[in-house]
Structure formats: C-alpha cells, structure tokens
C-alpha cells in the first residue's frame, strides 16, 4: 500500500480555517520532487478497487440525508397568510414552520455514516481525509435534524455547520447593494409559465448532453428553480419567467450546477460528483458568474439578491423573523410578498422563527462570486470540473495528479 501523501497532512492542519478562505496552490520547485510526489500517489489495483467500493457506499450514505425532506416548509402558505394578517393589524407575528420528521431512525444514515467514516480512517488513501470531512458534515447535519429545532443546542450546531458571514463580506455587500438596488419586475414581463419553462430546460439538458437529468415541476421550493444531486432540476409551479430569465437560468442552473456534477460523473467518484468540503462557495460563485457574464442581457436583481442575502445573514443572530422582515424593507420597500419569501428561505431551518438562527448558507453566493471573479477562465474551469471549495484549492494540483496517475482522468480532462 502507498504511503500517506505528506501534503494530506498539510491539508489536515487547515481544519480550523473559515470554509471560504482561499489558500495559495502548492508549488513543487523541482521536477524530481514533482515526479517523486506523483509516483507516491499511485495505488495498487486492490486499493483502487477498495476505493471504488467505499465510494459506492459513500454514494448510498449520502443519498440517505434526504435534504429536501428536512428543509421543506409544509405550511408555508398558511403561515404567510397569518403573517400578513397580523401585519395589516399592526401586530407582530413570527411564523411557526412545520417540517417532515427526520428519517434517520428509519434509514440508518447516522449509523452508516459513522461506520463508513471508520473504514476511511483505516484506509491509507490520499482521498480518505476528503471523504472523512464530508462524512463529518453529514453526521453534524444528521444530528442537527434529530434535535428540537427550538433548542439552543440546535442553534449552536446549525451555526457550526453553516458559518456566519465574515464582517468584511457584509460590509462589501452593503456597498454593492447601493450600486445595485432592487428592481421590481412586473409579472407582465414574465410570460413564460412553469410548464413552458420545463420544456425549455428539457431541451437545454438534451443539447448539452446531460441525459441523466430530468426536470420536475414542483410546489415544494421557494426559489423559482433549483438543482438537486439526484439528477433533478426543480421548477416552481407558480413561477413566471422572461426570455432573459431563461437564458440566465440555463447558464446558472444548467451549465453551472448541473455542469459541475456532470464532470464529477466523468471522473467516476461520487466524492467529486457531490463535491468536496466547501464546494458550495465556488459552485454558487461560478453559477452567479455565468448568469452575469455569460449572457448578453443578465436578468435583473442578481447582484442585489446575493448582496441582500449576505446582509441578512449578518442579522440572523440578532433579529427574529418579523424584525428581519422590517429590516429588509429598507432594501425592498414595495415588494412585501417577495420579501417574505426571501426571509422564509433563510429561516426555513427553524420551527419557531423567533429563534435567532437561520440558513447562513445564503451568504455563500456573494462570497463565492467575489472569489471566482478574481480568477481567470482556466482557473474557473478547473474548480468547476473538480468541484472543490476554497480551503481545498491549495490541493488542486495534487488532487489532479492523484486522479490522473490512477486512471480516473486523462491528460485532456
């Protein structure tokens, strides 16, 4: 069996980094050093087969998290009506969101994740630390979903899973949002309904060769469209779209989010299909970059939205749902229904939305966009293909070497 790569030890020492911190890429000074390092990554056939077997098990465990089931708000419409009824009367009301019960007692995700983590801890492979980090994330998330959502323990764990935004990011968002204020788009300018949008996205998937992916029209999401790991593109049944929306969303959701998963499939390991730790930051950043810079006329409010979410994430520990709504009106003064949905999206991890916690993940859109905007086209293409996060960017060249020397990718990948 090959010796553990020394750079893995370097990676492990950075576990205390903020997930959005980008480290400089490792550089090998001499060719002989590079060749020695490259050859040390070569695995035996038996270890390669073991890696593929464990990766297949990782795929099974990962699918058991049932993210949508845990995050769907079952009574969103009812609580929206209550909120606005109280608002009209000048009364304070914080919605109480109902969710599906967690499935982990039935499907055994927590036990299987812990068991698989132990297998990787004893498997001497360059990729083992990356699998372990993803499994640790699943274990934290799974534990959170078993807790009382109104408890302080739940709030602490959510904050640990999705780190609050850095003050500098919130400060940057406040500057950018002044330059990119909210634009209210009349529904008459969005004549394309969800059924027509499904046809357009189906065609885009076929044109790009993303044949495994299917489009579903659903009533369980708050955004107009999203992409899931299970080869699904969801379209909100009540959403309306303009021609600019169609072009922008194809760049964002299909060429962005679906595209990176497609490359992961080509590598052949679920780890790269579903992404390494922190991948959401680069993933969302790339998708935003595409929808702003890869279309002739970007759809409105892209920069506004990502700045708005970063600013609001900075307030999640200070304000309850009602107060967040009032705070947000300074940025969206005449669009109460849309503002409600944006706050609900951030507070969907709550039961009682007066609890001072929320989905800090929403700040990653701006964080990621600012980072990928500083890259060149080659670098952006690399992080899309290998589905990594900023704190793992340092390891990209070694990761590529490992995949190449073990036959997962060719020189032209």
Protein backbone atom coordinates (compact mmCIF):
# COMPACT_ATOMS: atom_id res chain seq x y z
CA UNK A 1 0.00 0.00 0.00
CA UNK A 2 1.27 3.50 -0.79
CA UNK A 3 2.48 5.73 1.99
CA UNK A 4 0.20 8.56 3.05
CA UNK A 5 0.95 11.60 0.95
CA UNK A 6 2.67 14.28 3.09
CA UNK A 7 0.53 17.01 1.59
CA UNK A 8 -2.52 15.35 3.12
CA UNK A 9 -1.02 16.20 6.50
CA UNK A 10 -0.77 19.83 5.39
CA UNK A 11 -4.43 19.76 4.41
CA UNK A 12 -5.45 18.32 7.77
CA UNK A 13 -3.74 21.15 9.65
CA UNK A 14 -6.05 23.67 7.99
CA UNK A 15 -9.24 22.28 9.51
CA UNK A 16 -9.65 25.44 11.60
CA UNK A 17 -9.82 27.70 8.54
CA UNK A 18 -13.01 29.51 7.66
CA UNK A 19 -14.51 27.45 4.79
CA UNK A 20 -14.37 30.41 2.42
CA UNK A 21 -10.66 31.10 2.89
CA UNK A 22 -8.67 30.51 -0.30
CA UNK A 23 -5.19 29.14 0.23
CA UNK A 24 -2.43 29.53 -2.39
CA UNK A 25 -1.88 26.44 -4.52
CA UNK A 26 1.01 24.16 -3.64
CA UNK A 27 4.01 24.56 -5.90
CA UNK A 28 6.67 21.90 -6.49
CA UNK A 29 10.00 23.58 -7.08
CA UNK A 30 11.94 20.80 -8.83
CA UNK A 31 10.80 18.25 -11.41
CA UNK A 32 12.39 15.42 -9.41
CA UNK A 33 10.29 16.44 -6.40
CA UNK A 34 7.19 16.52 -8.54
CA UNK A 35 7.93 13.10 -10.05
CA UNK A 36 8.53 11.58 -6.61
CA UNK A 37 5.30 13.08 -5.32
CA UNK A 38 3.37 11.98 -8.40
CA UNK A 39 4.58 8.40 -8.19
CA UNK A 40 3.77 8.19 -4.47
CA UNK A 41 0.09 8.74 -5.37
CA UNK A 42 -0.11 5.57 -7.46
CA UNK A 43 -2.38 2.99 -5.86
CA UNK A 44 -2.32 -0.79 -6.18
CA UNK A 45 -5.14 -2.43 -8.12
CA UNK A 46 -6.59 -3.89 -4.93
CA UNK A 47 -6.59 -0.48 -3.21
CA UNK A 48 -8.19 1.11 -6.26
CA UNK A 49 -10.98 -1.43 -6.13
CA UNK A 50 -11.39 -0.79 -2.42
CA UNK A 51 -11.63 2.96 -3.09
CA UNK A 52 -14.33 2.43 -5.68
CA UNK A 53 -16.24 0.12 -3.34
CA UNK A 54 -16.08 2.62 -0.48
CA UNK A 55 -17.06 5.44 -2.84
CA UNK A 56 -20.14 3.48 -3.90
CA UNK A 57 -21.02 3.08 -0.23
CA UNK A 58 -20.45 6.82 0.23
CA UNK A 59 -22.95 7.42 -2.58
CA UNK A 60 -25.54 5.30 -0.78
CA UNK A 61 -24.97 7.03 2.57
CA UNK A 62 -25.01 10.49 1.00
CA UNK A 63 -28.37 9.79 -0.64
CA UNK A 64 -29.90 8.98 2.77
CA UNK A 65 -29.59 12.57 4.04
CA UNK A 66 -32.86 13.45 2.22
CA UNK A 67 -32.09 17.16 2.27
CA UNK A 68 -35.34 18.27 0.66
CA UNK A 69 -37.44 16.27 3.09
CA UNK A 70 -35.85 18.05 6.05
CA UNK A 71 -35.90 21.59 4.64
CA UNK A 72 -39.35 21.76 3.06
CA UNK A 73 -41.75 24.02 4.96
CA UNK A 74 -45.06 22.15 4.92
CA UNK A 75 -47.27 25.07 5.95
CA UNK A 76 -45.61 27.98 4.17
CA UNK A 77 -48.79 29.33 2.54
CA UNK A 78 -50.76 29.13 5.80
CA UNK A 79 -48.05 30.91 7.78
CA UNK A 80 -47.67 33.58 5.11
CA UNK A 81 -51.36 34.39 5.40
CA UNK A 82 -51.09 34.58 9.19
CA UNK A 83 -48.04 36.84 8.96
CA UNK A 84 -49.69 39.36 6.65
CA UNK A 85 -52.99 39.23 8.55
CA UNK A 86 -51.15 40.25 11.71
CA UNK A 87 -49.09 42.81 9.80
CA UNK A 88 -52.23 44.55 8.49
CA UNK A 89 -53.45 44.86 12.07
CA UNK A 90 -50.15 46.30 13.23
CA UNK A 91 -49.32 43.16 15.23
CA UNK A 92 -46.10 41.17 15.47
CA UNK A 93 -46.16 37.55 14.31
CA UNK A 94 -43.29 35.13 13.84
CA UNK A 95 -44.29 32.17 11.65
CA UNK A 96 -44.11 28.67 13.05
CA UNK A 97 -42.86 26.33 10.33
CA UNK A 98 -43.73 22.65 10.19
CA UNK A 99 -41.35 20.10 8.68
CA UNK A 100 -41.26 16.44 7.90
CA UNK A 101 -39.83 14.35 10.74
CA UNK A 102 -36.21 13.30 10.20
CA UNK A 103 -35.86 9.88 8.51
CA UNK A 104 -32.60 8.78 10.13
CA UNK A 105 -34.07 6.29 12.60
CA UNK A 106 -35.65 4.52 9.64
CA UNK A 107 -32.91 4.73 7.01
CA UNK A 108 -29.93 4.44 9.36
CA UNK A 109 -27.95 7.30 7.80
CA UNK A 110 -26.18 8.30 11.01
CA UNK A 111 -25.04 4.76 11.82
CA UNK A 112 -23.94 4.08 8.27
CA UNK A 113 -22.05 7.38 8.03
CA UNK A 114 -20.20 6.66 11.28
CA UNK A 115 -19.36 3.14 10.13
CA UNK A 116 -18.09 4.35 6.76
CA UNK A 117 -16.04 7.08 8.42
CA UNK A 118 -14.21 4.39 10.43
CA UNK A 119 -13.46 2.49 7.23
CA UNK A 120 -11.87 5.56 5.65
CA UNK A 121 -9.91 6.27 8.84
CA UNK A 122 -8.17 2.91 8.43
CA UNK A 123 -7.83 3.14 4.62
CA UNK A 124 -4.47 4.62 3.65
CA UNK A 125 -5.51 6.64 0.61
CA UNK A 126 -4.83 10.21 -0.46
CA UNK A 127 -8.57 10.91 -0.75
CA UNK A 128 -9.56 9.45 2.65
CA UNK A 129 -9.38 12.80 4.54
CA UNK A 130 -11.73 14.38 1.99
CA UNK A 131 -14.29 11.60 2.41
CA UNK A 132 -13.98 11.87 6.19
CA UNK A 133 -14.67 15.60 6.10
CA UNK A 134 -17.81 15.07 4.02
CA UNK A 135 -18.97 12.31 6.36
CA UNK A 136 -18.35 14.55 9.38
CA UNK A 137 -20.58 17.12 7.70
CA UNK A 138 -23.32 14.53 7.19
CA UNK A 139 -23.03 13.45 10.81
CA UNK A 140 -23.33 17.04 12.06
CA UNK A 141 -26.26 17.75 9.78
CA UNK A 142 -27.96 14.48 10.69
CA UNK A 143 -27.51 15.15 14.41
CA UNK A 144 -28.98 18.65 13.99
CA UNK A 145 -32.07 17.23 12.31
CA UNK A 146 -32.67 14.90 15.29
CA UNK A 147 -32.74 17.83 17.74
CA UNK A 148 -35.56 20.10 18.83
CA UNK A 149 -35.38 22.99 16.35
CA UNK A 150 -36.29 25.44 19.09
CA UNK A 151 -33.37 24.40 21.31
CA UNK A 152 -30.12 26.26 21.88
CA UNK A 153 -28.21 23.06 21.03
CA UNK A 154 -29.78 23.06 17.56
CA UNK A 155 -28.91 26.73 17.03
CA UNK A 156 -25.28 26.15 18.02
CA UNK A 157 -24.95 23.16 15.69
CA UNK A 158 -26.51 24.98 12.71
CA UNK A 159 -24.08 27.84 13.25
CA UNK A 160 -21.22 25.32 13.31
CA UNK A 161 -22.40 23.66 10.08
CA UNK A 162 -23.05 26.87 8.14
CA UNK A 163 -20.62 29.54 9.31
CA UNK A 164 -21.99 33.12 9.74
CA UNK A 165 -20.60 35.60 7.20
CA UNK A 166 -17.42 37.50 7.96
CA UNK A 167 -17.98 41.19 8.83
CA UNK A 168 -15.94 42.24 5.78
CA UNK A 169 -18.32 40.34 3.47
CA UNK A 170 -21.36 42.07 4.98
CA UNK A 171 -19.60 45.43 4.65
CA UNK A 172 -18.85 44.72 0.97
CA UNK A 173 -22.48 43.67 0.41
CA UNK A 174 -23.74 46.98 1.82
CA UNK A 175 -21.58 48.90 -0.64
CA UNK A 176 -22.58 46.77 -3.65
CA UNK A 177 -26.30 46.82 -2.87
CA UNK A 178 -26.35 50.59 -3.03
CA UNK A 179 -24.98 50.33 -6.57
CA UNK A 180 -27.41 47.53 -7.45
CA UNK A 181 -30.80 48.32 -5.86
CA UNK A 182 -33.84 46.08 -6.15
CA UNK A 183 -35.77 46.34 -9.40
CA UNK A 184 -39.42 45.34 -9.25
CA UNK A 185 -40.27 43.31 -12.36
CA UNK A 186 -43.96 43.36 -13.37
CA UNK A 187 -45.46 39.89 -13.92
CA UNK A 188 -46.45 41.00 -17.43
CA UNK A 189 -42.75 40.97 -18.32
CA UNK A 190 -42.56 37.28 -17.37
CA UNK A 191 -44.95 35.49 -19.75
CA UNK A 192 -43.31 32.03 -19.56
CA UNK A 193 -45.03 29.67 -17.11
CA UNK A 194 -43.55 26.64 -15.35
CA UNK A 195 -44.78 24.15 -17.97
CA UNK A 196 -43.14 26.07 -20.80
CA UNK A 197 -40.00 26.52 -18.68
CA UNK A 198 -39.84 22.75 -18.18
CA UNK A 199 -39.81 22.27 -21.97
CA UNK A 200 -37.05 24.85 -22.39
CA UNK A 201 -34.86 23.30 -19.69
CA UNK A 202 -35.50 19.77 -21.00
CA UNK A 203 -34.22 20.93 -24.38
CA UNK A 204 -31.16 22.64 -22.86
CA UNK A 205 -30.25 19.43 -21.00
CA UNK A 206 -30.53 17.41 -24.21
CA UNK A 207 -28.47 19.95 -26.16
CA UNK A 208 -25.67 19.81 -23.57
CA UNK A 209 -25.67 16.01 -23.35
CA UNK A 210 -26.82 15.94 -19.72
CA UNK A 211 -29.08 12.99 -20.49
CA UNK A 212 -29.47 11.65 -16.94
CA UNK A 213 -31.14 14.83 -15.72
CA UNK A 214 -34.90 15.24 -15.53
CA UNK A 215 -37.00 18.36 -14.97
CA UNK A 216 -39.84 18.36 -12.46
CA UNK A 217 -42.49 21.00 -11.81
CA UNK A 218 -42.99 21.10 -8.02
CA UNK A 219 -44.70 23.15 -5.32
CA UNK A 220 -42.16 22.42 -2.57
CA UNK A 221 -39.42 25.00 -3.26
CA UNK A 222 -39.20 28.74 -2.53
CA UNK A 223 -36.83 29.73 -5.39
CA UNK A 224 -38.07 29.63 -8.97
CA UNK A 225 -35.66 26.82 -9.86
CA UNK A 226 -33.05 24.64 -8.20
CA UNK A 227 -30.84 21.63 -8.91
CA UNK A 228 -30.55 18.51 -6.76
CA UNK A 229 -27.89 15.81 -6.65
CA UNK A 230 -30.46 13.18 -7.59
CA UNK A 231 -30.28 14.18 -11.31
CA UNK A 232 -33.25 16.51 -10.87
CA UNK A 233 -33.93 20.11 -11.90
CA UNK A 234 -36.92 21.51 -9.99
CA UNK A 235 -39.11 24.28 -11.40
CA UNK A 236 -41.50 26.09 -9.06
CA UNK A 237 -45.01 25.54 -10.44
CA UNK A 238 -46.10 29.11 -9.56
CA UNK A 239 -43.04 30.82 -11.05
CA UNK A 240 -43.05 33.04 -14.12
CA UNK A 241 -40.08 33.72 -16.38
CA UNK A 242 -38.90 36.16 -19.03
CA UNK A 243 -36.69 35.31 -22.01
CA UNK A 244 -33.76 36.84 -20.12
CA UNK A 245 -34.60 34.60 -17.16
CA UNK A 246 -34.47 31.53 -19.38
CA UNK A 247 -31.02 32.38 -20.75
CA UNK A 248 -29.68 33.35 -17.34
CA UNK A 249 -31.03 30.26 -15.58
CA UNK A 250 -29.61 27.95 -18.25
CA UNK A 251 -26.21 29.48 -17.59
CA UNK A 252 -26.68 29.42 -13.80
CA UNK A 253 -28.55 26.21 -13.02
CA UNK A 254 -27.72 24.02 -16.03
CA UNK A 255 -24.25 24.97 -17.26
CA UNK A 256 -23.28 25.86 -13.68
CA UNK A 257 -24.81 23.48 -11.15
CA UNK A 258 -25.62 20.57 -13.47
CA UNK A 259 -22.35 21.03 -15.37
CA UNK A 260 -20.11 20.52 -12.33
CA UNK A 261 -21.99 17.34 -11.40
CA UNK A 262 -21.65 16.11 -15.00
CA UNK A 263 -17.87 16.44 -14.73
CA UNK A 264 -17.98 14.56 -11.44
CA UNK A 265 -19.76 11.71 -13.19
CA UNK A 266 -16.98 11.66 -15.79
CA UNK A 267 -14.37 11.30 -13.03
CA UNK A 268 -16.35 8.36 -11.73
CA UNK A 269 -16.25 9.05 -7.98
CA UNK A 270 -19.26 10.30 -6.02
CA UNK A 271 -16.91 12.46 -3.95
CA UNK A 272 -16.29 14.66 -7.00
CA UNK A 273 -19.85 14.49 -8.24
CA UNK A 274 -21.35 15.70 -4.97
CA UNK A 275 -18.34 17.86 -4.15
CA UNK A 276 -15.58 18.23 -1.58
CA UNK A 277 -15.94 20.36 1.56
CA UNK A 278 -16.78 23.99 0.90
CA UNK A 279 -17.71 23.28 -2.72
CA UNK A 280 -20.93 25.29 -2.40
CA UNK A 281 -18.98 28.55 -2.20
CA UNK A 282 -17.23 28.04 -5.54
CA UNK A 283 -20.28 26.29 -7.01
CA UNK A 284 -22.64 29.17 -6.25
CA UNK A 285 -20.00 31.70 -7.20
CA UNK A 286 -19.49 30.09 -10.61
CA UNK A 287 -23.24 29.92 -11.22
CA UNK A 288 -23.62 33.62 -10.39
CA UNK A 289 -20.62 34.45 -12.58
CA UNK A 290 -22.19 32.56 -15.50
CA UNK A 291 -25.53 34.31 -15.20
CA UNK A 292 -23.85 37.73 -15.07
CA UNK A 293 -21.05 37.34 -17.62
CA UNK A 294 -22.11 34.56 -19.99
CA UNK A 295 -25.35 36.17 -21.23
CA UNK A 296 -25.91 39.25 -23.35
CA UNK A 297 -28.55 40.72 -21.01
CA UNK A 298 -28.35 39.47 -17.41
CA UNK A 299 -31.66 39.07 -15.63
CA UNK A 300 -32.33 41.82 -13.06
CA UNK A 301 -31.55 41.64 -9.33
CA UNK A 302 -28.74 39.06 -9.49
CA UNK A 303 -26.24 41.23 -7.63
CA UNK A 304 -28.98 42.66 -5.45
CA UNK A 305 -30.08 39.22 -4.32
CA UNK A 306 -26.65 37.91 -3.36
CA UNK A 307 -25.81 41.13 -1.50
CA UNK A 308 -29.20 41.12 0.22
CA UNK A 309 -28.72 37.56 1.49
CA UNK A 310 -25.24 38.34 2.79
CA UNK A 311 -26.53 41.39 4.68
CA UNK A 312 -29.48 39.48 6.10
CA UNK A 313 -27.25 36.57 7.15
CA UNK A 314 -25.31 39.11 9.18
CA UNK A 315 -28.51 39.79 11.13
CA UNK A 316 -29.76 36.23 11.69
CA UNK A 317 -28.30 36.07 15.20
CA UNK A 318 -29.80 39.44 16.12
CA UNK A 319 -33.34 39.52 14.69
CA UNK A 320 -36.38 37.26 14.66
CA UNK A 321 -38.48 36.70 11.50
CA UNK A 322 -40.68 39.76 11.98
CA UNK A 323 -37.70 42.01 12.73
CA UNK A 324 -35.78 40.63 9.74
CA UNK A 325 -38.78 41.47 7.57
CA UNK A 326 -38.86 45.05 8.87
CA UNK A 327 -35.08 45.35 8.48
CA UNK A 328 -35.28 44.05 4.90
CA UNK A 329 -37.88 46.64 3.88
CA UNK A 330 -35.15 49.26 3.60
CA UNK A 331 -33.88 47.26 0.61
CA UNK A 332 -37.25 46.04 -0.73
CA UNK A 333 -39.76 48.70 0.32
CA UNK A 334 -42.59 47.83 -2.09
CA UNK A 335 -42.41 44.06 -2.55
CA UNK A 336 -43.70 42.56 0.68
CA UNK A 337 -44.64 39.15 -0.73
CA UNK A 338 -41.24 38.62 -2.32
CA UNK A 339 -39.54 39.88 0.81
CA UNK A 340 -41.50 37.39 2.91
CA UNK A 341 -40.35 34.52 0.68
CA UNK A 342 -36.72 35.62 0.92
CA UNK A 343 -36.87 35.73 4.71
CA UNK A 344 -38.70 32.38 4.76
CA UNK A 345 -35.94 30.89 2.64
CA UNK A 346 -33.38 31.96 5.24
CA UNK A 347 -35.50 30.86 8.20
CA UNK A 348 -36.68 27.53 6.78
CA UNK A 349 -34.30 25.70 9.11
CA UNK A 350 -36.41 26.97 12.04
CA UNK A 351 -39.61 25.75 13.65
CA UNK A 352 -40.38 28.84 15.73
CA UNK A 353 -38.89 31.62 13.60
CA UNK A 354 -38.44 33.85 16.64
CA UNK A 355 -35.35 31.73 17.40
CA UNK A 356 -32.23 33.68 16.44
CA UNK A 357 -30.80 31.32 13.83
CA UNK A 358 -31.14 30.76 10.10
CA UNK A 359 -29.55 29.40 6.96
CA UNK A 360 -26.14 31.10 6.82
CA UNK A 361 -25.55 29.19 3.57
CA UNK A 362 -27.22 32.07 1.70
CA UNK A 363 -24.15 34.28 2.23
CA UNK A 364 -22.06 31.89 0.13
CA UNK A 365 -23.45 33.28 -3.12
CA UNK A 366 -21.71 36.63 -2.71
CA UNK A 367 -18.63 35.12 -1.06
CA UNK A 368 -18.19 32.68 -3.95
CA UNK A 369 -18.90 35.22 -6.67
CA UNK A 370 -16.28 37.64 -5.36
CA UNK A 371 -13.70 34.85 -5.30
CA UNK A 372 -14.32 33.36 -8.75
CA UNK A 373 -14.46 36.86 -10.27
CA UNK A 374 -10.79 37.24 -9.34
CA UNK A 375 -9.86 34.07 -11.23
CA UNK A 376 -9.11 33.65 -14.91
CA UNK A 377 -11.15 31.43 -17.25
CA UNK A 378 -8.77 28.46 -16.87
CA UNK A 379 -9.00 28.58 -13.08
CA UNK A 380 -12.78 28.88 -13.17
CA UNK A 381 -12.96 25.88 -15.47
CA UNK A 382 -10.75 23.86 -13.12
CA UNK A 383 -12.77 24.44 -9.97
CA UNK A 384 -15.96 23.60 -11.88
CA UNK A 385 -14.51 20.31 -13.14
CA UNK A 386 -13.14 19.20 -9.78
CA UNK A 387 -15.97 20.51 -7.58
CA UNK A 388 -13.85 21.82 -4.70
CA UNK A 389 -14.11 24.55 -2.09
CA UNK A 390 -11.78 27.50 -1.40
CA UNK A 391 -9.93 25.91 1.52
CA UNK A 392 -9.09 22.89 -0.67
CA UNK A 393 -7.97 25.00 -3.63
CA UNK A 394 -4.41 24.68 -2.33
CA UNK A 395 -4.55 20.94 -3.00
CA UNK A 396 -5.99 21.09 -6.53
CA UNK A 397 -2.82 20.20 -8.41
CA UNK A 398 -2.15 17.20 -6.17
CA UNK A 399 -5.78 16.08 -6.49
CA UNK A 400 -5.47 16.26 -10.28
CA UNK A 401 -2.24 14.26 -10.12
CA UNK A 402 -3.87 11.57 -7.99
CA UNK A 403 -6.79 11.24 -10.39
CA UNK A 404 -4.52 11.17 -13.43
CA UNK A 405 -1.97 8.66 -12.15
CA UNK A 406 -4.76 6.29 -11.08
CA UNK A 407 -6.63 6.47 -14.38
CA UNK A 408 -9.69 8.47 -13.33
CA UNK A 409 -8.95 11.26 -15.79
CA UNK A 410 -6.82 11.67 -18.88
CA UNK A 411 -4.40 14.47 -19.75
CA UNK A 412 -7.12 16.33 -21.66
CA UNK A 413 -9.72 16.34 -18.87
